[in-house]
């Protein structure tokens, strides 16, 4: 079991780069939302990517800081649950303000950003707002 919650420990969210040797930050509200998802599906959540240190973020060549740098975002999948089902349930959680659907990469981006909810789908290198047409295309 975990040291942050029933199902998660700090290693789940640690940066994967060799420079920082497992540095991590995590917003406990995000951990709580992940616990709700895990309990709902009664399955393990796989954290594909959690915290990104500055060195790792720089290697990704991203133009601006990410919610991953702040410990407020993860990429996840749920064992044996179709990605659209996970996305639709995650949308019911008010603490998850940012949700991205990554069909090619087979994961969901979830974050606890401030402000209004943001929903998008990643197609190729583009991040596209989640319109009704895109929802229909991906079963969301």
Protein backbone atom coordinates (compact mmCIF):
# COMPACT_ATOMS: atom_id res chain seq x y z
CA UNK A 1 0.00 0.00 0.00
CA UNK A 2 1.02 3.59 -0.39
CA UNK A 3 2.44 6.26 1.83
CA UNK A 4 0.31 9.05 0.27
CA UNK A 5 -3.03 7.24 0.18
CA UNK A 6 -4.49 3.75 0.15
CA UNK A 7 -3.24 3.00 -3.38
CA UNK A 8 -0.45 5.48 -4.10
CA UNK A 9 3.00 6.30 -2.85
CA UNK A 10 5.53 8.94 -3.83
CA UNK A 11 7.25 6.62 -6.32
CA UNK A 12 4.08 6.57 -8.45
CA UNK A 13 4.46 10.29 -9.13
CA UNK A 14 8.27 10.63 -9.25
CA UNK A 15 10.01 12.09 -12.27
CA UNK A 16 11.50 9.45 -14.59
CA UNK A 17 14.62 11.36 -15.61
CA UNK A 18 18.11 10.38 -14.39
CA UNK A 19 19.10 13.93 -13.43
CA UNK A 20 16.76 14.49 -10.49
CA UNK A 21 16.81 10.88 -9.22
CA UNK A 22 13.10 10.58 -8.49
CA UNK A 23 12.20 14.09 -7.41
CA UNK A 24 8.47 14.55 -6.97
CA UNK A 25 5.72 16.96 -6.01
CA UNK A 26 2.07 15.99 -5.93
CA UNK A 27 -1.12 17.88 -5.17
CA UNK A 28 -3.04 15.87 -2.60
CA UNK A 29 -6.34 16.86 -4.23
CA UNK A 30 -5.14 15.05 -7.35
CA UNK A 31 -4.26 11.97 -5.29
CA UNK A 32 -7.76 12.08 -3.80
CA UNK A 33 -9.35 12.22 -7.26
CA UNK A 34 -7.24 9.26 -8.38
CA UNK A 35 -8.41 7.31 -5.32
CA UNK A 36 -12.02 7.98 -6.33
CA UNK A 37 -11.32 6.72 -9.86
CA UNK A 38 -9.58 3.61 -8.51
CA UNK A 39 -12.46 2.84 -6.13
CA UNK A 40 -15.10 3.46 -8.81
CA UNK A 41 -13.59 0.97 -11.23
CA UNK A 42 -12.15 -1.29 -8.51
CA UNK A 43 -8.97 -1.46 -10.56
CA UNK A 44 -5.41 -0.27 -10.29
CA UNK A 45 -4.50 3.03 -11.85
CA UNK A 46 -1.24 3.13 -13.77
CA UNK A 47 0.51 6.48 -13.54
CA UNK A 48 2.26 6.76 -16.89
CA UNK A 49 3.80 10.12 -16.00
CA UNK A 50 3.51 12.30 -12.93
CA UNK A 51 5.87 15.05 -11.82
CA UNK A 52 8.32 16.52 -14.35
CA UNK A 53 11.44 18.19 -12.98
CA UNK A 54 12.81 21.20 -14.88
CA UNK A 55 15.52 19.12 -16.58
CA UNK A 56 12.99 16.58 -17.88
CA UNK A 57 10.60 19.29 -18.99
CA UNK A 58 13.44 20.96 -20.91
CA UNK A 59 14.20 17.65 -22.68
CA UNK A 60 10.57 17.50 -23.82
CA UNK A 61 11.09 20.87 -25.56
CA UNK A 62 7.81 22.24 -24.26
CA UNK A 63 7.31 25.98 -24.76
CA UNK A 64 5.90 26.74 -21.33
CA UNK A 65 5.72 25.26 -17.86
CA UNK A 66 3.26 22.46 -17.37
CA UNK A 67 0.99 21.42 -14.54
CA UNK A 68 3.27 18.38 -14.35
CA UNK A 69 6.05 20.73 -13.16
CA UNK A 70 3.83 21.85 -10.32
CA UNK A 71 2.76 18.38 -9.19
CA UNK A 72 -0.80 19.02 -10.34
CA UNK A 73 -0.99 16.64 -13.33
CA UNK A 74 -0.65 13.00 -14.28
CA UNK A 75 -1.01 10.82 -17.32
CA UNK A 76 -2.92 7.70 -16.38
CA UNK A 77 -4.73 4.58 -17.50
CA UNK A 78 -6.84 2.11 -15.55
CA UNK A 79 -6.14 -1.60 -15.86
CA UNK A 80 -8.62 -3.32 -18.19
CA UNK A 81 -10.95 -0.31 -18.52
CA UNK A 82 -11.48 1.35 -21.91
CA UNK A 83 -10.01 4.83 -22.04
CA UNK A 84 -13.31 6.52 -22.98
CA UNK A 85 -14.96 5.09 -19.85
CA UNK A 86 -12.18 6.41 -17.66
CA UNK A 87 -12.38 9.83 -19.30
CA UNK A 88 -16.16 10.05 -18.90
CA UNK A 89 -15.99 9.16 -15.22
CA UNK A 90 -13.08 11.55 -14.60
CA UNK A 91 -15.26 14.35 -16.01
CA UNK A 92 -17.66 13.87 -13.09
CA UNK A 93 -14.97 14.82 -10.57
CA UNK A 94 -15.01 18.60 -10.00
CA UNK A 95 -11.41 18.73 -8.78
CA UNK A 96 -10.16 17.55 -12.18
CA UNK A 97 -10.28 20.82 -14.09
CA UNK A 98 -8.00 19.71 -16.94
CA UNK A 99 -8.68 16.50 -18.86
CA UNK A 100 -7.01 15.42 -22.06
CA UNK A 101 -7.76 12.33 -24.14
CA UNK A 102 -4.69 10.79 -25.81
CA UNK A 103 -6.00 7.95 -28.01
CA UNK A 104 -2.70 7.14 -29.75
CA UNK A 105 -0.70 7.14 -26.49
CA UNK A 106 -3.50 5.26 -24.68
CA UNK A 107 -3.72 7.47 -21.61
CA UNK A 108 -5.60 10.37 -20.10
CA UNK A 109 -4.12 13.62 -18.85
CA UNK A 110 -5.75 14.79 -15.59
CA UNK A 111 -4.89 17.91 -13.64
CA UNK A 112 -6.09 20.14 -10.82
CA UNK A 113 -5.49 23.52 -12.50
CA UNK A 114 -7.41 26.54 -11.25
CA UNK A 115 -10.22 28.15 -13.20
CA UNK A 116 -12.72 26.80 -15.66
CA UNK A 117 -12.58 23.18 -16.88
CA UNK A 118 -10.52 22.47 -20.00
CA UNK A 119 -11.17 19.40 -22.15
CA UNK A 120 -9.12 18.42 -25.19
CA UNK A 121 -7.99 15.56 -27.39
CA UNK A 122 -4.47 15.08 -28.69
CA UNK A 123 -4.37 14.25 -32.38
CA UNK A 124 -0.86 13.92 -33.73
CA UNK A 125 1.05 16.87 -32.29
CA UNK A 126 -2.07 19.04 -31.94
CA UNK A 127 -4.14 19.63 -28.81
CA UNK A 128 -7.70 20.16 -30.01
CA UNK A 129 -10.66 21.37 -27.92
CA UNK A 130 -13.10 18.56 -27.21
CA UNK A 131 -16.07 19.50 -29.40
CA UNK A 132 -19.26 17.44 -29.73
CA UNK A 133 -17.87 16.02 -33.00
CA UNK A 134 -14.65 14.93 -31.31
CA UNK A 135 -16.64 13.45 -28.40
CA UNK A 136 -18.66 11.37 -30.91
CA UNK A 137 -15.52 10.31 -32.81
CA UNK A 138 -13.86 8.96 -29.64
CA UNK A 139 -16.95 7.75 -27.76
CA UNK A 140 -16.74 10.42 -25.10
